[in-house]
Protein backbone atom coordinates (compact mmCIF):
# COMPACT_ATOMS: atom_id res chain seq x y z
CA MET A 1 31.75 120.42 119.72
CA ALA A 2 31.31 116.65 119.83
CA GLN A 3 33.78 116.21 116.97
CA SER A 4 36.60 117.99 118.84
CA ASN A 5 35.90 115.89 121.95
CA ARG A 6 36.17 112.71 119.89
CA SER A 7 39.52 113.79 118.39
CA ASN A 8 40.91 114.39 121.88
CA ASN A 9 39.93 110.87 122.93
CA SER A 10 41.44 109.26 119.83
CA ASN A 11 44.97 110.42 120.75
CA ARG A 12 45.17 108.22 123.83
CA LEU A 13 45.22 104.46 124.14
CA PRO A 14 42.15 102.92 125.73
CA GLU A 15 42.41 101.59 129.27
CA ASP A 16 42.26 97.82 129.00
CA VAL A 17 43.68 95.25 131.41
CA TRP A 18 44.65 92.78 128.68
CA LEU A 19 46.38 95.43 126.57
CA ARG A 20 48.49 96.37 129.57
CA ARG A 21 49.31 92.72 130.34
CA ILE A 22 50.31 91.99 126.76
CA MET A 23 52.48 95.11 126.73
CA LYS A 24 54.19 94.15 130.00
CA PHE A 25 54.93 90.73 128.52
CA GLY A 26 55.93 91.90 125.05
CA LEU A 27 58.33 94.73 125.85
CA PRO A 28 60.84 92.67 127.87
CA LEU A 29 60.45 89.86 125.35
CA GLY A 30 61.36 92.23 122.53
CA LEU A 31 64.37 93.57 124.43
CA LEU A 32 65.58 90.04 125.13
CA THR A 33 65.15 89.17 121.46
CA ILE A 34 67.28 92.14 120.39
CA ALA A 35 69.91 91.29 123.02
CA LEU A 36 70.10 87.72 121.68
CA LEU A 37 70.52 89.00 118.14
CA TRP A 38 73.38 91.29 119.19
CA GLY A 39 74.93 88.53 121.27
CA ALA A 40 74.76 86.08 118.38
CA TYR A 41 76.38 88.61 116.08
CA MET A 42 79.16 89.55 118.50
CA THR A 43 80.05 86.08 119.81
CA GLU A 44 79.04 83.97 116.80
CA GLN A 45 77.34 81.44 119.08
CA ALA A 46 74.87 79.21 117.22
CA TRP A 47 72.60 78.66 120.24
CA MET A 48 72.04 82.42 120.55
CA LEU A 49 70.93 82.62 116.93
CA GLN A 50 68.56 79.69 117.36
CA SER A 51 67.16 81.26 120.53
CA PHE A 52 66.76 84.55 118.70
CA ILE A 53 64.74 82.89 115.94
CA GLY A 54 62.39 81.26 118.44
CA LEU A 55 61.95 84.38 120.54
CA ALA A 56 61.51 86.56 117.45
CA ALA A 57 58.60 84.37 116.40
CA LEU A 58 57.07 84.60 119.88
CA THR A 59 57.59 88.38 119.92
CA PHE A 60 55.93 88.67 116.50
CA VAL A 61 52.91 86.65 117.64
CA THR A 62 52.67 88.78 120.79
CA GLY A 63 52.64 91.93 118.65
CA ILE A 64 49.90 90.54 116.43
CA ILE A 65 47.81 89.61 119.48
CA TYR A 66 48.31 93.13 120.90
CA ASN A 67 47.19 94.75 117.64
CA VAL A 68 44.13 92.53 117.32
CA ARG A 69 43.12 93.29 120.92
CA LEU A 70 43.66 97.02 120.33
CA VAL A 71 41.37 96.99 117.30
CA ILE A 72 38.72 95.07 119.23
CA VAL A 73 38.83 97.58 122.10
CA LEU A 74 38.76 100.60 119.76
CA VAL A 75 35.77 99.24 117.82
CA ARG A 76 34.00 98.52 121.10
CA GLU A 77 34.62 102.10 122.31
CA ARG A 78 33.45 103.60 119.03
CA ARG A 79 30.21 101.59 119.19
CA ARG A 80 29.68 102.71 122.78
CA GLU A 81 30.16 106.36 121.76
CA GLU A 82 27.67 106.05 118.91
CA GLU A 83 24.94 104.65 121.18
């Protein structure tokens, strides 16, 4: 019975304030990055490509931070369940 309860909990993301903040920052950043890439391709403007490269790096770092935080929260929850 406990195993089925654990599998139900593993399908949802944990409630964490920082995960939500990082997500609210990262999603618009990712959309802006994609828009700059399309704009640079369509208009052939060099400044758009340079902005894309900078924002792509920031978006990548934001994604890494989100994943690290997610792993930390999941490990913390698993330890709490085991105790």
